[in-house]
Amino acid sequence: MSDSSAWLSDRSKTVEGHNMTCALYFNDNLVWGPMSCHNNTTTIQSALRQADKRMELRLGTKDKTVEGHTKSFNIKYKGKNILEDHSCHNNLEGLVVAINSIWIAAPPQ
């Protein structure tokens, strides 16, 4: 993995209630989402704010759905793990791709 990257790893399945949506913006332009998410996604939002001010994970509310978490979300920024083993749904794979694509095309300063 490069100096800054995001990735998903496998975890034991848990069942969670999703009552939010998340969408990734880069320089105020929508680049991914919105997708269903759990309220724990605020932790991913905080990690991205810490890592790269050009990115903003915007959260909204939605009717509750029950979904299984089978993945963990991880972020490494400039060689430092800033988010590890954060429980999430596999639908955040697209978010990982978006973050990594941005960091390849326009590396964080």
PDB file of N, CA and C in Angstrom:
ATOM      1  N   MET A   1       0.835  -1.182   0.000  1.00  0.00           N
ATOM      2  CA  MET A   1       0.000   0.000   0.000  1.00  0.00           C
ATOM      3  C   MET A   1       0.876   1.240   0.000  1.00  0.00           C
ATOM      4  N   SER A   2       0.360   2.290  -0.561  1.00  0.00           N
ATOM      5  CA  SER A   2       1.125   3.532  -0.628  1.00  0.00           C
ATOM      6  C   SER A   2       1.120   4.233   0.724  1.00  0.00           C
ATOM      7  N   ASP A   3       1.732   5.393   0.744  1.00  0.00           N
ATOM      8  CA  ASP A   3       1.846   6.182   1.964  1.00  0.00           C
ATOM      9  C   ASP A   3       0.483   6.615   2.509  1.00  0.00           C
ATOM     10  N   SER A   4      -0.490   6.814   1.614  1.00  0.00           N
ATOM     11  CA  SER A   4      -1.856   7.167   2.007  1.00  0.00           C
ATOM     12  C   SER A   4      -2.815   6.283   1.223  1.00  0.00           C
ATOM     13  N   SER A   5      -3.688   5.579   1.931  1.00  0.00           N
ATOM     14  CA  SER A   5      -4.632   4.695   1.255  1.00  0.00           C
ATOM     15  C   SER A   5      -5.779   4.338   2.185  1.00  0.00           C
ATOM     16  N   ALA A   6      -6.841   3.841   1.571  1.00  0.00           N
ATOM     17  CA  ALA A   6      -7.982   3.307   2.308  1.00  0.00           C
ATOM     18  C   ALA A   6      -8.206   1.887   1.807  1.00  0.00           C
ATOM     19  N   TRP A   7      -8.712   1.020   2.668  1.00  0.00           N
ATOM     20  CA  TRP A   7      -8.996  -0.353   2.265  1.00  0.00           C
ATOM     21  C   TRP A   7     -10.008  -0.969   3.210  1.00  0.00           C
ATOM     22  N   LEU A   8     -10.645  -2.042   2.710  1.00  0.00           N
ATOM     23  CA  LEU A   8     -11.561  -2.839   3.517  1.00  0.00           C
ATOM     24  C   LEU A   8     -10.899  -4.167   3.830  1.00  0.00           C
ATOM     25  N   SER A   9     -11.156  -4.673   5.012  1.00  0.00           N
ATOM     26  CA  SER A   9     -10.714  -6.010   5.385  1.00  0.00           C
ATOM     27  C   SER A   9     -11.931  -6.789   5.874  1.00  0.00           C
ATOM     28  N   ASP A  10     -11.836  -8.105   5.846  1.00  0.00           N
ATOM     29  CA  ASP A  10     -12.947  -8.959   6.267  1.00  0.00           C
ATOM     30  C   ASP A  10     -13.087  -8.957   7.783  1.00  0.00           C
ATOM     31  N   ARG A  11     -14.316  -9.176   8.228  1.00  0.00           N
ATOM     32  CA  ARG A  11     -14.606  -9.278   9.659  1.00  0.00           C
ATOM     33  C   ARG A  11     -15.796 -10.220   9.845  1.00  0.00           C
ATOM     34  N   SER A  12     -16.027 -10.629  11.063  1.00  0.00           N
ATOM     35  CA  SER A  12     -17.202 -11.446  11.367  1.00  0.00           C
ATOM     36  C   SER A  12     -18.458 -10.613  11.148  1.00  0.00           C
ATOM     37  N   LYS A  13     -19.498 -11.263  10.632  1.00  0.00           N
ATOM     38  CA  LYS A  13     -20.734 -10.549  10.309  1.00  0.00           C
ATOM     39  C   LYS A  13     -21.470 -10.113  11.567  1.00  0.00           C
ATOM     40  N   THR A  14     -21.910  -8.870  11.548  1.00  0.00           N
ATOM     41  CA  THR A  14     -22.819  -8.341  12.557  1.00  0.00           C
ATOM     42  C   THR A  14     -24.003  -7.736  11.819  1.00  0.00           C
ATOM     43  N   VAL A  15     -25.126  -7.606  12.477  1.00  0.00           N
ATOM     44  CA  VAL A  15     -26.309  -7.007  11.871  1.00  0.00           C
ATOM     45  C   VAL A  15     -26.517  -5.644  12.506  1.00  0.00           C
ATOM     46  N   GLU A  16     -26.621  -4.629  11.657  1.00  0.00           N
ATOM     47  CA  GLU A  16     -26.709  -3.246  12.128  1.00  0.00           C
ATOM     48  C   GLU A  16     -27.895  -2.550  11.482  1.00  0.00           C
ATOM     49  N   GLY A  17     -28.446  -1.579  12.179  1.00  0.00           N
ATOM     50  CA  GLY A  17     -29.487  -0.730  11.626  1.00  0.00           C
ATOM     51  C   GLY A  17     -28.865   0.476  10.947  1.00  0.00           C
ATOM     52  N   HIS A  18     -29.145   0.638   9.668  1.00  0.00           N
ATOM     53  CA  HIS A  18     -28.636   1.797   8.934  1.00  0.00           C
ATOM     54  C   HIS A  18     -29.725   2.860   8.896  1.00  0.00           C
ATOM     55  N   ASN A  19     -29.406   4.054   9.376  1.00  0.00           N
ATOM     56  CA  ASN A  19     -30.376   5.138   9.384  1.00  0.00           C
ATOM     57  C   ASN A  19     -29.794   6.416   8.783  1.00  0.00           C
ATOM     58  N   MET A  20     -28.695   6.262   8.026  1.00  0.00           N
ATOM     59  CA  MET A  20     -28.040   7.424   7.438  1.00  0.00           C
ATOM     60  C   MET A  20     -27.621   7.111   6.004  1.00  0.00           C
ATOM     61  N   THR A  21     -27.245   8.163   5.299  1.00  0.00           N
ATOM     62  CA  THR A  21     -26.596   8.038   4.000  1.00  0.00           C
ATOM     63  C   THR A  21     -25.285   8.803   4.070  1.00  0.00           C
ATOM     64  N   CYS A  22     -24.339   8.420   3.222  1.00  0.00           N
ATOM     65  CA  CYS A  22     -23.084   9.156   3.136  1.00  0.00           C
ATOM     66  C   CYS A  22     -22.734   9.376   1.673  1.00  0.00           C
ATOM     67  N   ALA A  23     -22.095  10.509   1.407  1.00  0.00           N
ATOM     68  CA  ALA A  23     -21.655  10.857   0.057  1.00  0.00           C
ATOM     69  C   ALA A  23     -20.315  11.564   0.177  1.00  0.00           C
ATOM     70  N   LEU A  24     -19.376  11.210  -0.693  1.00  0.00           N
ATOM     71  CA  LEU A  24     -18.044  11.805  -0.662  1.00  0.00           C
ATOM     72  C   LEU A  24     -17.961  12.953  -1.657  1.00  0.00           C
ATOM     73  N   TYR A  25     -17.496  14.080  -1.149  1.00  0.00           N
ATOM     74  CA  TYR A  25     -17.249  15.265  -1.972  1.00  0.00           C
ATOM     75  C   TYR A  25     -15.759  15.551  -1.967  1.00  0.00           C
ATOM     76  N   PHE A  26     -15.248  15.952  -3.124  1.00  0.00           N
ATOM     77  CA  PHE A  26     -13.856  16.373  -3.269  1.00  0.00           C
ATOM     78  C   PHE A  26     -13.872  17.778  -3.847  1.00  0.00           C
ATOM     79  N   ASN A  27     -13.276  18.707  -3.120  1.00  0.00           N
ATOM     80  CA  ASN A  27     -13.324  20.122  -3.513  1.00  0.00           C
ATOM     81  C   ASN A  27     -14.755  20.546  -3.830  1.00  0.00           C
ATOM     82  N   ASP A  28     -15.678  20.114  -2.977  1.00  0.00           N
ATOM     83  CA  ASP A  28     -17.099  20.461  -3.029  1.00  0.00           C
ATOM     84  C   ASP A  28     -17.844  19.866  -4.227  1.00  0.00           C
ATOM     85  N   ASN A  29     -17.262  18.869  -4.884  1.00  0.00           N
ATOM     86  CA  ASN A  29     -17.920  18.172  -5.990  1.00  0.00           C
ATOM     87  C   ASN A  29     -18.203  16.735  -5.582  1.00  0.00           C
ATOM     88  N   LEU A  30     -19.429  16.284  -5.819  1.00  0.00           N
ATOM     89  CA  LEU A  30     -19.809  14.913  -5.496  1.00  0.00           C
ATOM     90  C   LEU A  30     -19.006  13.937  -6.349  1.00  0.00           C
ATOM     91  N   VAL A  31     -18.316  12.987  -5.701  1.00  0.00           N
ATOM     92  CA  VAL A  31     -17.535  11.985  -6.430  1.00  0.00           C
ATOM     93  C   VAL A  31     -18.000  10.550  -6.148  1.00  0.00           C
ATOM     94  N   TRP A  32     -18.800  10.360  -5.111  1.00  0.00           N
ATOM     95  CA  TRP A  32     -19.291   9.021  -4.774  1.00  0.00           C
ATOM     96  C   TRP A  32     -20.515   9.143  -3.878  1.00  0.00           C
ATOM     97  N   GLY A  33     -21.496   8.264  -4.104  1.00  0.00           N
ATOM     98  CA  GLY A  33     -22.660   8.196  -3.234  1.00  0.00           C
ATOM     99  C   GLY A  33     -23.826   8.996  -3.796  1.00  0.00           C
ATOM    100  N   PRO A  34     -24.849   9.133  -2.983  1.00  0.00           N
ATOM    101  CA  PRO A  34     -24.974   8.674  -1.594  1.00  0.00           C
ATOM    102  C   PRO A  34     -25.287   7.179  -1.501  1.00  0.00           C
ATOM    103  N   MET A  35     -24.839   6.614  -0.387  1.00  0.00           N
ATOM    104  CA  MET A  35     -25.060   5.206  -0.080  1.00  0.00           C
ATOM    105  C   MET A  35     -25.576   5.087   1.352  1.00  0.00           C
ATOM    106  N   SER A  36     -26.250   3.990   1.616  1.00  0.00           N
ATOM    107  CA  SER A  36     -26.744   3.690   2.953  1.00  0.00           C
ATOM    108  C   SER A  36     -25.577   3.445   3.899  1.00  0.00           C
ATOM    109  N   CYS A  37     -25.700   3.947   5.131  1.00  0.00           N
ATOM    110  CA  CYS A  37     -24.641   3.715   6.114  1.00  0.00           C
ATOM    111  C   CYS A  37     -25.214   3.741   7.529  1.00  0.00           C
ATOM    112  N   HIS A  38     -24.399   3.340   8.462  1.00  0.00           N
ATOM    113  CA  HIS A  38     -24.708   3.280   9.887  1.00  0.00           C
ATOM    114  C   HIS A  38     -24.260   4.592  10.522  1.00  0.00           C
ATOM    115  N   ASN A  39     -24.815   4.933  11.659  1.00  0.00           N
ATOM    116  CA  ASN A  39     -24.407   6.198  12.295  1.00  0.00           C
ATOM    117  C   ASN A  39     -22.960   6.184  12.772  1.00  0.00           C
ATOM    118  N   ASN A  40     -22.305   5.028  12.789  1.00  0.00           N
ATOM    119  CA  ASN A  40     -20.886   5.003  13.151  1.00  0.00           C
ATOM    120  C   ASN A  40     -20.000   5.567  12.040  1.00  0.00           C
ATOM    121  N   THR A  41     -20.584   5.887  10.889  1.00  0.00           N
ATOM    122  CA  THR A  41     -19.827   6.444   9.767  1.00  0.00           C
ATOM    123  C   THR A  41     -19.257   7.815  10.114  1.00  0.00           C
ATOM    124  N   THR A  42     -19.737   8.422  11.182  1.00  0.00           N
ATOM    125  CA  THR A  42     -19.143   9.694  11.625  1.00  0.00           C
ATOM    126  C   THR A  42     -17.658   9.520  11.934  1.00  0.00           C
ATOM    127  N   THR A  43     -17.252   8.313  12.319  1.00  0.00           N
ATOM    128  CA  THR A  43     -15.833   8.054  12.587  1.00  0.00           C
ATOM    129  C   THR A  43     -15.016   8.116  11.297  1.00  0.00           C
ATOM    130  N   ILE A  44     -15.554   7.578  10.202  1.00  0.00           N
ATOM    131  CA  ILE A  44     -14.884   7.689   8.901  1.00  0.00           C
ATOM    132  C   ILE A  44     -14.836   9.153   8.484  1.00  0.00           C
ATOM    133  N   GLN A  45     -15.935   9.859   8.690  1.00  0.00           N
ATOM    134  CA  GLN A  45     -15.996  11.286   8.366  1.00  0.00           C
ATOM    135  C   GLN A  45     -14.895  12.056   9.105  1.00  0.00           C
ATOM    136  N   SER A  46     -14.729  11.804  10.372  1.00  0.00           N
ATOM    137  CA  SER A  46     -13.700  12.488  11.172  1.00  0.00           C
ATOM    138  C   SER A  46     -12.295  12.145  10.692  1.00  0.00           C
ATOM    139  N   ALA A  47     -12.058  10.874  10.361  1.00  0.00           N
ATOM    140  CA  ALA A  47     -10.732  10.465   9.886  1.00  0.00           C
ATOM    141  C   ALA A  47     -10.396  11.147   8.562  1.00  0.00           C
ATOM    142  N   LEU A  48     -11.370  11.237   7.659  1.00  0.00           N
ATOM    143  CA  LEU A  48     -11.118  11.912   6.383  1.00  0.00           C
ATOM    144  C   LEU A  48     -10.847  13.397   6.581  1.00  0.00           C
ATOM    145  N   ARG A  49     -11.575  14.028   7.493  1.00  0.00           N
ATOM    146  CA  ARG A  49     -11.318  15.447   7.790  1.00  0.00           C
ATOM    147  C   ARG A  49      -9.900  15.639   8.313  1.00  0.00           C
ATOM    148  N   GLN A  50      -9.457  14.717   9.142  1.00  0.00           N
ATOM    149  CA  GLN A  50      -8.104  14.778   9.692  1.00  0.00           C
ATOM    150  C   GLN A  50      -7.064  14.589   8.589  1.00  0.00           C
ATOM    151  N   ALA A  51      -7.355  13.696   7.648  1.00  0.00           N
ATOM    152  CA  ALA A  51      -6.376  13.339   6.623  1.00  0.00           C
ATOM    153  C   ALA A  51      -6.285  14.348   5.486  1.00  0.00           C
ATOM    154  N   ASP A  52      -7.405  14.772   4.969  1.00  0.00           N
ATOM    155  CA  ASP A  52      -7.378  15.554   3.730  1.00  0.00           C
ATOM    156  C   ASP A  52      -8.565  16.505   3.708  1.00  0.00           C
ATOM    157  N   LYS A  53      -8.307  17.763   3.946  1.00  0.00           N
ATOM    158  CA  LYS A  53      -9.371  18.778   4.029  1.00  0.00           C
ATOM    159  C   LYS A  53     -10.109  18.959   2.705  1.00  0.00           C
ATOM    160  N   ARG A  54      -9.546  18.453   1.609  1.00  0.00           N
ATOM    161  CA  ARG A  54     -10.217  18.572   0.309  1.00  0.00           C
ATOM    162  C   ARG A  54     -11.403  17.624   0.207  1.00  0.00           C
ATOM    163  N   MET A  55     -11.423  16.595   1.060  1.00  0.00           N
ATOM    164  CA  MET A  55     -12.501  15.606   1.051  1.00  0.00           C
ATOM    165  C   MET A  55     -13.474  15.888   2.186  1.00  0.00           C
ATOM    166  N   GLU A  56     -14.750  15.669   1.890  1.00  0.00           N
ATOM    167  CA  GLU A  56     -15.778  15.793   2.925  1.00  0.00           C
ATOM    168  C   GLU A  56     -16.777  14.663   2.730  1.00  0.00           C
ATOM    169  N   LEU A  57     -16.971  13.865   3.769  1.00  0.00           N
ATOM    170  CA  LEU A  57     -17.985  12.824   3.757  1.00  0.00           C
ATOM    171  C   LEU A  57     -19.230  13.429   4.391  1.00  0.00           C
ATOM    172  N   ARG A  58     -20.219  13.709   3.563  1.00  0.00           N
ATOM    173  CA  ARG A  58     -21.451  14.337   4.050  1.00  0.00           C
ATOM    174  C   ARG A  58     -22.462  13.260   4.395  1.00  0.00           C
ATOM    175  N   LEU A  59     -23.075  13.435   5.548  1.00  0.00           N
ATOM    176  CA  LEU A  59     -24.026  12.457   6.068  1.00  0.00           C
ATOM    177  C   LEU A  59     -25.436  13.021   6.048  1.00  0.00           C
ATOM    178  N   GLY A  60     -26.394  12.165   5.760  1.00  0.00           N
ATOM    179  CA  GLY A  60     -27.803  12.530   5.796  1.00  0.00           C
ATOM    180  C   GLY A  60     -28.579  11.450   6.524  1.00  0.00           C
ATOM    181  N   THR A  61     -29.858  11.671   6.702  1.00  0.00           N
ATOM    182  CA  THR A  61     -30.702  10.691   7.385  1.00  0.00           C
ATOM    183  C   THR A  61     -31.600   9.988   6.372  1.00  0.00           C
ATOM    184  N   LYS A  62     -32.053   8.799   6.744  1.00  0.00           N
ATOM    185  CA  LYS A  62     -32.974   8.027   5.909  1.00  0.00           C
ATOM    186  C   LYS A  62     -33.767   7.095   6.814  1.00  0.00           C
ATOM    187  N   ASP A  63     -34.777   6.463   6.243  1.00  0.00           N
ATOM    188  CA  ASP A  63     -35.523   5.457   6.989  1.00  0.00           C
ATOM    189  C   ASP A  63     -34.598   4.292   7.321  1.00  0.00           C
ATOM    190  N   LYS A  64     -34.818   3.699   8.487  1.00  0.00           N
ATOM    191  CA  LYS A  64     -33.936   2.632   8.969  1.00  0.00           C
ATOM    192  C   LYS A  64     -34.099   1.359   8.138  1.00  0.00           C
ATOM    193  N   THR A  65     -32.949   0.769   7.811  1.00  0.00           N
ATOM    194  CA  THR A  65     -32.893  -0.560   7.209  1.00  0.00           C
ATOM    195  C   THR A  65     -31.928  -1.388   8.050  1.00  0.00           C
ATOM    196  N   VAL A  66     -32.071  -2.694   8.012  1.00  0.00           N
ATOM    197  CA  VAL A  66     -31.180  -3.572   8.767  1.00  0.00           C
ATOM    198  C   VAL A  66     -30.281  -4.291   7.765  1.00  0.00           C
ATOM    199  N   GLU A  67     -28.973  -4.141   7.946  1.00  0.00           N
ATOM    200  CA  GLU A  67     -28.001  -4.689   7.006  1.00  0.00           C
ATOM    201  C   GLU A  67     -26.854  -5.322   7.780  1.00  0.00           C
ATOM    202  N   GLY A  68     -26.163  -6.228   7.132  1.00  0.00           N
ATOM    203  CA  GLY A  68     -25.041  -6.909   7.768  1.00  0.00           C
ATOM    204  C   GLY A  68     -23.719  -6.214   7.501  1.00  0.00           C
ATOM    205  N   HIS A  69     -22.922  -6.065   8.540  1.00  0.00           N
ATOM    206  CA  HIS A  69     -21.558  -5.555   8.397  1.00  0.00           C
ATOM    207  C   HIS A  69     -20.627  -6.755   8.281  1.00  0.00           C
ATOM    208  N   THR A  70     -19.890  -6.811   7.179  1.00  0.00           N
ATOM    209  CA  THR A  70     -18.960  -7.917   6.950  1.00  0.00           C
ATOM    210  C   THR A  70     -17.548  -7.424   6.678  1.00  0.00           C
ATOM    211  N   LYS A  71     -17.343  -6.123   6.761  1.00  0.00           N
ATOM    212  CA  LYS A  71     -16.047  -5.520   6.435  1.00  0.00           C
ATOM    213  C   LYS A  71     -15.612  -4.559   7.534  1.00  0.00           C
ATOM    214  N   SER A  72     -14.334  -4.259   7.518  1.00  0.00           N
ATOM    215  CA  SER A  72     -13.761  -3.220   8.380  1.00  0.00           C
ATOM    216  C   SER A  72     -13.114  -2.181   7.477  1.00  0.00           C
ATOM    217  N   PHE A  73     -13.316  -0.918   7.788  1.00  0.00           N
ATOM    218  CA  PHE A  73     -12.778   0.203   7.008  1.00  0.00           C
ATOM    219  C   PHE A  73     -11.490   0.663   7.667  1.00  0.00           C
ATOM    220  N   ASN A  74     -10.471   0.917   6.845  1.00  0.00           N
ATOM    221  CA  ASN A  74      -9.158   1.328   7.341  1.00  0.00           C
ATOM    222  C   ASN A  74      -8.643   2.494   6.507  1.00  0.00           C
ATOM    223  N   ILE A  75      -7.979   3.443   7.156  1.00  0.00           N
ATOM    224  CA  ILE A  75      -7.348   4.559   6.450  1.00  0.00           C
ATOM    225  C   ILE A  75      -5.945   4.755   7.002  1.00  0.00           C
ATOM    226  N   LYS A  76      -4.988   4.809   6.063  1.00  0.00           N
ATOM    227  CA  LYS A  76      -3.616   5.173   6.408  1.00  0.00           C
ATOM    228  C   LYS A  76      -3.331   6.492   5.696  1.00  0.00           C
ATOM    229  N   TYR A  77      -2.818   7.469   6.446  1.00  0.00           N
ATOM    230  CA  TYR A  77      -2.525   8.782   5.879  1.00  0.00           C
ATOM    231  C   TYR A  77      -1.082   9.154   6.176  1.00  0.00           C
ATOM    232  N   LYS A  78      -0.323   9.364   5.117  1.00  0.00           N
ATOM    233  CA  LYS A  78       1.099   9.697   5.225  1.00  0.00           C
ATOM    234  C   LYS A  78       1.827   8.712   6.140  1.00  0.00           C
ATOM    235  N   GLY A  79       1.523   7.417   5.944  1.00  0.00           N
ATOM    236  CA  GLY A  79       2.194   6.356   6.677  1.00  0.00           C
ATOM    237  C   GLY A  79       1.644   6.056   8.058  1.00  0.00           C
ATOM    238  N   LYS A  80       0.656   6.824   8.520  1.00  0.00           N
ATOM    239  CA  LYS A  80       0.101   6.625   9.861  1.00  0.00           C
ATOM    240  C   LYS A  80      -1.327   6.092   9.756  1.00  0.00           C
ATOM    241  N   ASN A  81      -1.609   5.000  10.473  1.00  0.00           N
ATOM    242  CA  ASN A  81      -2.973   4.479  10.514  1.00  0.00           C
ATOM    243  C   ASN A  81      -3.836   5.415  11.347  1.00  0.00           C
ATOM    244  N   ILE A  82      -4.834   6.020  10.700  1.00  0.00           N
ATOM    245  CA  ILE A  82      -5.701   6.948  11.429  1.00  0.00           C
ATOM    246  C   ILE A  82      -7.090   6.367  11.662  1.00  0.00           C
ATOM    247  N   LEU A  83      -7.393   5.238  10.999  1.00  0.00           N
ATOM    248  CA  LEU A  83      -8.644   4.525  11.243  1.00  0.00           C
ATOM    249  C   LEU A  83      -8.371   3.050  10.996  1.00  0.00           C
ATOM    250  N   GLU A  84      -8.676   2.211  11.996  1.00  0.00           N
ATOM    251  CA  GLU A  84      -8.404   0.782  11.888  1.00  0.00           C
ATOM    252  C   GLU A  84      -9.614  -0.035  12.310  1.00  0.00           C
ATOM    253  N   ASP A  85      -9.934  -1.035  11.499  1.00  0.00           N
ATOM    254  CA  ASP A  85     -10.956  -2.037  11.824  1.00  0.00           C
ATOM    255  C   ASP A  85     -12.301  -1.431  12.193  1.00  0.00           C
ATOM    256  N   HIS A  86     -12.723  -0.429  11.443  1.00  0.00           N
ATOM    257  CA  HIS A  86     -14.005   0.233  11.674  1.00  0.00           C
ATOM    258  C   HIS A  86     -15.110  -0.582  10.997  1.00  0.00           C
ATOM    259  N   SER A  87     -16.040  -1.118  11.763  1.00  0.00           N
ATOM    260  CA  SER A  87     -17.111  -1.970  11.251  1.00  0.00           C
ATOM    261  C   SER A  87     -17.935  -1.245  10.189  1.00  0.00           C
ATOM    262  N   CYS A  88     -18.118  -1.914   9.033  1.00  0.00           N
ATOM    263  CA  CYS A  88     -18.910  -1.297   7.968  1.00  0.00           C
ATOM    264  C   CYS A  88     -19.505  -2.369   7.059  1.00  0.00           C
ATOM    265  N   HIS A  89     -20.341  -1.929   6.160  1.00  0.00           N
ATOM    266  CA  HIS A  89     -20.993  -2.761   5.160  1.00  0.00           C
ATOM    267  C   HIS A  89     -20.110  -2.803   3.920  1.00  0.00           C
ATOM    268  N   ASN A  90     -20.198  -3.861   3.148  1.00  0.00           N
ATOM    269  CA  ASN A  90     -19.360  -3.957   1.951  1.00  0.00           C
ATOM    270  C   ASN A  90     -19.721  -2.934   0.879  1.00  0.00           C
ATOM    271  N   ASN A  91     -20.839  -2.207   1.041  1.00  0.00           N
ATOM    272  CA  ASN A  91     -21.190  -1.184   0.061  1.00  0.00           C
ATOM    273  C   ASN A  91     -20.235   0.012   0.112  1.00  0.00           C
ATOM    274  N   LEU A  92     -19.332   0.064   1.079  1.00  0.00           N
ATOM    275  CA  LEU A  92     -18.361   1.156   1.143  1.00  0.00           C
ATOM    276  C   LEU A  92     -17.121   0.877   0.296  1.00  0.00           C
ATOM    277  N   GLU A  93     -17.114  -0.229  -0.441  1.00  0.00           N
ATOM    278  CA  GLU A  93     -16.002  -0.507  -1.364  1.00  0.00           C
ATOM    279  C   GLU A  93     -15.834   0.637  -2.360  1.00  0.00           C
ATOM    280  N   GLY A  94     -16.926   1.183  -2.839  1.00  0.00           N
ATOM    281  CA  GLY A  94     -16.852   2.307  -3.768  1.00  0.00           C
ATOM    282  C   GLY A  94     -16.225   3.537  -3.144  1.00  0.00           C
ATOM    283  N   LEU A  95     -16.453   3.741  -1.864  1.00  0.00           N
ATOM    284  CA  LEU A  95     -15.827   4.857  -1.152  1.00  0.00           C
ATOM    285  C   LEU A  95     -14.318   4.663  -1.099  1.00  0.00           C
ATOM    286  N   VAL A  96     -13.886   3.441  -0.840  1.00  0.00           N
ATOM    287  CA  VAL A  96     -12.450   3.123  -0.830  1.00  0.00           C
ATOM    288  C   VAL A  96     -11.835   3.429  -2.198  1.00  0.00           C
ATOM    289  N   VAL A  97     -12.493   2.995  -3.260  1.00  0.00           N
ATOM    290  CA  VAL A  97     -11.997   3.244  -4.618  1.00  0.00           C
ATOM    291  C   VAL A  97     -11.911   4.743  -4.883  1.00  0.00           C
ATOM    292  N   ALA A  98     -12.936   5.497  -4.484  1.00  0.00           N
ATOM    293  CA  ALA A  98     -12.940   6.948  -4.704  1.00  0.00           C
ATOM    294  C   ALA A  98     -11.795   7.627  -3.957  1.00  0.00           C
ATOM    295  N   ILE A  99     -11.603   7.284  -2.691  1.00  0.00           N
ATOM    296  CA  ILE A  99     -10.526   7.890  -1.895  1.00  0.00           C
ATOM    297  C   ILE A  99      -9.168   7.583  -2.519  1.00  0.00           C
ATOM    298  N   ASN A 100      -8.932   6.315  -2.840  1.00  0.00           N
ATOM    299  CA  ASN A 100      -7.639   5.932  -3.410  1.00  0.00           C
ATOM    300  C   ASN A 100      -7.412   6.564  -4.778  1.00  0.00           C
ATOM    301  N   SER A 101      -8.454   6.667  -5.586  1.00  0.00           N
ATOM    302  CA  SER A 101      -8.326   7.305  -6.900  1.00  0.00           C
ATOM    303  C   SER A 101      -7.948   8.775  -6.757  1.00  0.00           C
ATOM    304  N   ILE A 102      -8.561   9.454  -5.807  1.00  0.00           N
ATOM    305  CA  ILE A 102      -8.223  10.860  -5.558  1.00  0.00           C
ATOM    306  C   ILE A 102      -6.772  10.970  -5.123  1.00  0.00           C
ATOM    307  N   TRP A 103      -6.361  10.127  -4.187  1.00  0.00           N
ATOM    308  CA  TRP A 103      -4.993  10.224  -3.669  1.00  0.00           C
ATOM    309  C   TRP A 103      -3.943   9.825  -4.705  1.00  0.00           C
ATOM    310  N   ILE A 104      -4.316   9.024  -5.700  1.00  0.00           N
ATOM    311  CA  ILE A 104      -3.388   8.719  -6.796  1.00  0.00           C
ATOM    312  C   ILE A 104      -3.301   9.909  -7.754  1.00  0.00           C
ATOM    313  N   ALA A 105      -4.460  10.457  -8.138  1.00  0.00           N
ATOM    314  CA  ALA A 105      -4.493  11.560  -9.105  1.00  0.00           C
ATOM    315  C   ALA A 105      -4.020  12.884  -8.514  1.00  0.00           C
ATOM    316  N   ALA A 106      -4.341  13.106  -7.253  1.00  0.00           N
ATOM    317  CA  ALA A 106      -4.005  14.374  -6.586  1.00  0.00           C
ATOM    318  C   ALA A 106      -3.551  14.055  -5.167  1.00  0.00           C
ATOM    319  N   PRO A 107      -2.300  13.600  -5.007  1.00  0.00           N
ATOM    320  CA  PRO A 107      -1.824  13.179  -3.687  1.00  0.00           C
ATOM    321  C   PRO A 107      -2.003  14.267  -2.626  1.00  0.00           C
ATOM    322  N   PRO A 108      -2.287  13.842  -1.401  1.00  0.00           N
ATOM    323  CA  PRO A 108      -2.410  14.819  -0.316  1.00  0.00           C
ATOM    324  C   PRO A 108      -1.088  15.545  -0.099  1.00  0.00           C
ATOM    325  N   GLN A 109      -1.191  16.780   0.285  1.00  0.00           N
ATOM    326  CA  GLN A 109       0.017  17.605   0.495  1.00  0.00           C
ATOM    327  C   GLN A 109       0.542  17.462   1.900  1.00  0.00           C
TER     328      GLN A 109
END
